[in-house]
Amino acid sequence: MEREHDRLCRLIAVQIGKLGGNFRAQELWEQANEVLQETAVQALTSGGRFKAGRRVLPWLMGIAVNVIRNRFRRTKRDAKVRPFSTLPDGEAATVNDRETPPGVPTEDGYAALRAAIVQLPGPAREAVERRFFDGLDGDDLAQALGTSRGAARVRVCRALRDLRPHLLSPDE
């Protein structure tokens, strides 16, 4: 990998461009280096799946393309969620840029949501508060919760599922 660093970075930069990355040259090179580092970590952790006799470069590029796609998906998904702390006073609480569920008055949405969150069990409450009130996501959220990234995401998802009955009126 060290010998092929520049070549790999160029190939990764091309893939980032193909998949929709809109960066200036310096930013593109920095993104390519970050993707290469993440690719190296994944390659080292999954080295047992590499079959002898295969060429290494195509295998690494396959991993790199998956890393790039996951980064774009993550960026797209995270852009939809706004932390509650960024909302102006009086604005309806939003989740994924949708309005507060029906039955929660706009002016009282924040208070009703806070009251519902207080009813959640400790770990679920902490996950929601860290995600939406503190604005943490991804690795930062996982580190704050002391779990893996996937476990943190699942914890938030389950907490939101548990919040729905508290926020929706009985006929919904």
Protein backbone atom coordinates (compact mmCIF):
# COMPACT_ATOMS: atom_id res chain seq x y z
CA MET A 1 0.00 0.00 0.00
CA GLU A 2 2.84 2.37 0.77
CA ARG A 3 4.40 1.87 -2.67
CA GLU A 4 1.07 2.41 -4.41
CA HIS A 5 -0.16 5.27 -2.18
CA ASP A 6 -0.20 7.96 -4.87
CA ARG A 7 -1.75 5.67 -7.46
CA LEU A 8 -4.43 4.51 -5.03
CA CYS A 9 -5.21 8.10 -4.04
CA ARG A 10 -5.61 9.09 -7.69
CA LEU A 11 -7.93 6.15 -8.35
CA ILE A 12 -9.94 6.90 -5.23
CA ALA A 13 -10.18 10.59 -6.19
CA VAL A 14 -11.60 9.54 -9.57
CA GLN A 15 -14.18 7.35 -7.82
CA ILE A 16 -15.16 10.17 -5.47
CA GLY A 17 -15.68 12.39 -8.51
CA LYS A 18 -17.77 9.72 -10.27
CA LEU A 19 -19.97 9.21 -7.23
CA GLY A 20 -20.80 12.87 -6.92
CA GLY A 21 -18.09 14.42 -4.79
CA ASN A 22 -17.89 18.13 -5.54
CA PHE A 23 -14.51 19.16 -4.14
CA ARG A 24 -11.67 21.45 -5.15
CA ALA A 25 -8.40 19.70 -6.00
CA GLN A 26 -6.88 20.03 -2.52
CA GLU A 27 -10.10 18.92 -0.79
CA LEU A 28 -10.41 16.00 -3.20
CA TRP A 29 -6.87 14.86 -2.38
CA GLU A 30 -7.61 15.14 1.37
CA GLN A 31 -10.84 13.16 0.96
CA ALA A 32 -8.99 10.52 -1.07
CA ASN A 33 -6.35 10.21 1.67
CA GLU A 34 -9.05 9.81 4.33
CA VAL A 35 -10.81 7.16 2.25
CA LEU A 36 -7.49 5.37 1.71
CA GLN A 37 -6.86 5.32 5.46
CA GLU A 38 -10.32 3.91 6.13
CA THR A 39 -9.79 1.40 3.32
CA ALA A 40 -6.49 0.29 4.85
CA VAL A 41 -8.14 -0.28 8.22
CA GLN A 42 -10.94 -2.32 6.65
CA ALA A 43 -8.48 -4.27 4.51
CA LEU A 44 -6.37 -5.13 7.54
CA THR A 45 -9.39 -6.20 9.59
CA SER A 46 -10.79 -8.32 6.75
CA GLY A 47 -7.50 -9.63 5.40
CA GLY A 48 -8.61 -13.19 6.07
CA ARG A 49 -11.14 -12.84 3.24
CA PHE A 50 -8.46 -12.03 0.68
CA LYS A 51 -7.91 -15.04 -1.54
CA ALA A 52 -4.33 -15.90 -2.43
CA GLY A 53 -3.54 -15.44 -6.08
CA ARG A 54 -5.83 -12.42 -6.50
CA ARG A 55 -4.51 -9.02 -7.40
CA VAL A 56 -4.43 -6.68 -4.43
CA LEU A 57 -5.22 -3.39 -6.18
CA PRO A 58 -8.71 -4.36 -7.46
CA TRP A 59 -9.56 -5.82 -4.03
CA LEU A 60 -8.50 -2.59 -2.31
CA MET A 61 -10.42 -0.48 -4.82
CA GLY A 62 -13.55 -2.54 -4.15
CA ILE A 63 -13.20 -1.77 -0.46
CA ALA A 64 -12.51 1.90 -1.24
CA VAL A 65 -15.63 2.23 -3.40
CA ASN A 66 -17.72 0.78 -0.56
CA VAL A 67 -16.12 3.23 1.88
CA ILE A 68 -16.91 6.14 -0.45
CA ARG A 69 -20.53 5.04 -0.91
CA ASN A 70 -21.00 4.65 2.84
CA ARG A 71 -19.55 8.13 3.42
CA PHE A 72 -21.94 9.69 0.89
CA ARG A 73 -24.92 7.83 2.36
CA ARG A 74 -23.94 8.89 5.87
CA THR A 75 -23.50 12.51 4.80
CA LYS A 76 -26.85 12.52 3.01
CA ARG A 77 -28.64 10.90 5.95
CA ASP A 78 -27.02 13.14 8.56
CA ALA A 79 -27.86 16.27 6.56
CA LYS A 80 -31.57 15.49 6.99
CA VAL A 81 -31.42 15.56 10.78
CA ARG A 82 -31.14 18.92 12.54
CA PRO A 83 -30.27 19.05 16.23
CA PHE A 84 -33.07 20.52 18.35
CA SER A 85 -30.57 22.91 19.87
CA THR A 86 -30.35 24.69 16.49
CA LEU A 87 -34.07 25.43 16.32
CA PRO A 88 -35.20 28.96 17.11
CA ASP A 89 -37.56 29.38 20.08
CA GLY A 90 -41.17 28.74 19.15
CA GLU A 91 -40.37 26.72 16.03
CA ALA A 92 -41.90 23.27 15.87
CA ALA A 93 -39.56 20.48 16.90
CA THR A 94 -38.57 18.54 13.81
CA VAL A 95 -37.27 15.09 13.13
CA ASN A 96 -35.74 14.48 9.72
CA ASP A 97 -37.03 17.88 8.55
CA ARG A 98 -40.67 16.85 9.02
CA GLU A 99 -43.11 18.70 11.21
CA THR A 100 -43.91 17.61 14.71
CA PRO A 101 -46.34 14.67 14.67
CA PRO A 102 -50.02 15.65 14.59
CA GLY A 103 -51.56 16.19 18.01
CA VAL A 104 -48.55 18.09 19.37
CA PRO A 105 -49.23 21.84 19.19
CA THR A 106 -46.45 23.76 17.47
CA GLU A 107 -45.82 26.17 20.34
CA ASP A 108 -45.78 23.34 22.87
CA GLY A 109 -43.99 20.82 20.67
CA TYR A 110 -40.66 21.21 22.39
CA ALA A 111 -42.15 20.89 25.88
CA ALA A 112 -44.27 17.87 24.91
CA LEU A 113 -41.27 16.21 23.32
CA ARG A 114 -39.12 16.87 26.38
CA ALA A 115 -41.84 15.41 28.64
CA ALA A 116 -42.01 12.28 26.46
CA ILE A 117 -38.22 11.90 26.43
CA VAL A 118 -38.14 12.01 30.24
CA GLN A 119 -40.36 8.91 30.26
CA LEU A 120 -37.80 6.87 28.27
CA PRO A 121 -35.46 4.46 30.08
CA GLY A 122 -31.99 5.89 30.85
CA PRO A 123 -29.96 4.54 27.89
CA ALA A 124 -32.67 5.44 25.36
CA ARG A 125 -33.12 8.91 26.86
CA GLU A 126 -29.37 9.52 26.75
CA ALA A 127 -29.19 8.39 23.10
CA VAL A 128 -31.96 10.78 22.04
CA GLU A 129 -30.59 13.68 24.05
CA ARG A 130 -27.05 13.20 22.73
CA ARG A 131 -28.27 12.82 19.14
CA PHE A 132 -30.85 15.58 18.89
CA PHE A 133 -30.12 18.02 21.70
CA ASP A 134 -26.33 17.84 21.66
CA GLY A 135 -26.15 17.30 17.88
CA LEU A 136 -23.80 14.31 18.09
CA ASP A 137 -23.82 11.73 15.34
CA GLY A 138 -21.77 8.91 13.92
CA ASP A 139 -18.56 8.17 15.75
CA ASP A 140 -19.04 11.06 18.20
CA LEU A 141 -22.41 9.67 19.29
CA ALA A 142 -21.02 6.14 19.56
CA GLN A 143 -18.13 7.34 21.70
CA ALA A 144 -20.43 9.37 23.97
CA LEU A 145 -22.70 6.35 24.45
CA GLY A 146 -19.78 3.94 24.83
CA THR A 147 -20.99 1.70 22.00
CA SER A 148 -20.24 1.00 18.37
CA ARG A 149 -21.57 3.30 15.66
CA GLY A 150 -24.22 0.76 14.60
CA ALA A 151 -25.35 0.12 18.17
CA ALA A 152 -25.71 3.86 18.78
CA ARG A 153 -27.82 4.23 15.64
CA VAL A 154 -30.03 1.30 16.65
CA ARG A 155 -30.44 2.73 20.16
CA VAL A 156 -31.62 6.08 18.75
CA CYS A 157 -33.97 4.35 16.30
CA ARG A 158 -35.55 2.23 19.04
CA ALA A 159 -35.87 5.24 21.32
CA LEU A 160 -37.69 7.15 18.59
CA ARG A 161 -39.97 4.18 18.06
CA ASP A 162 -40.73 4.20 21.80
CA LEU A 163 -41.44 7.95 21.70
CA ARG A 164 -44.11 7.74 19.00
CA PRO A 165 -46.93 6.52 21.26
CA HIS A 166 -46.28 9.42 23.66
CA LEU A 167 -46.43 12.03 20.92
CA LEU A 168 -49.28 10.77 18.76
CA SER A 169 -52.89 11.12 19.75
CA PRO A 170 -54.75 7.83 20.43
CA ASP A 171 -56.61 7.89 17.10
CA GLU A 172 -53.41 8.00 15.02
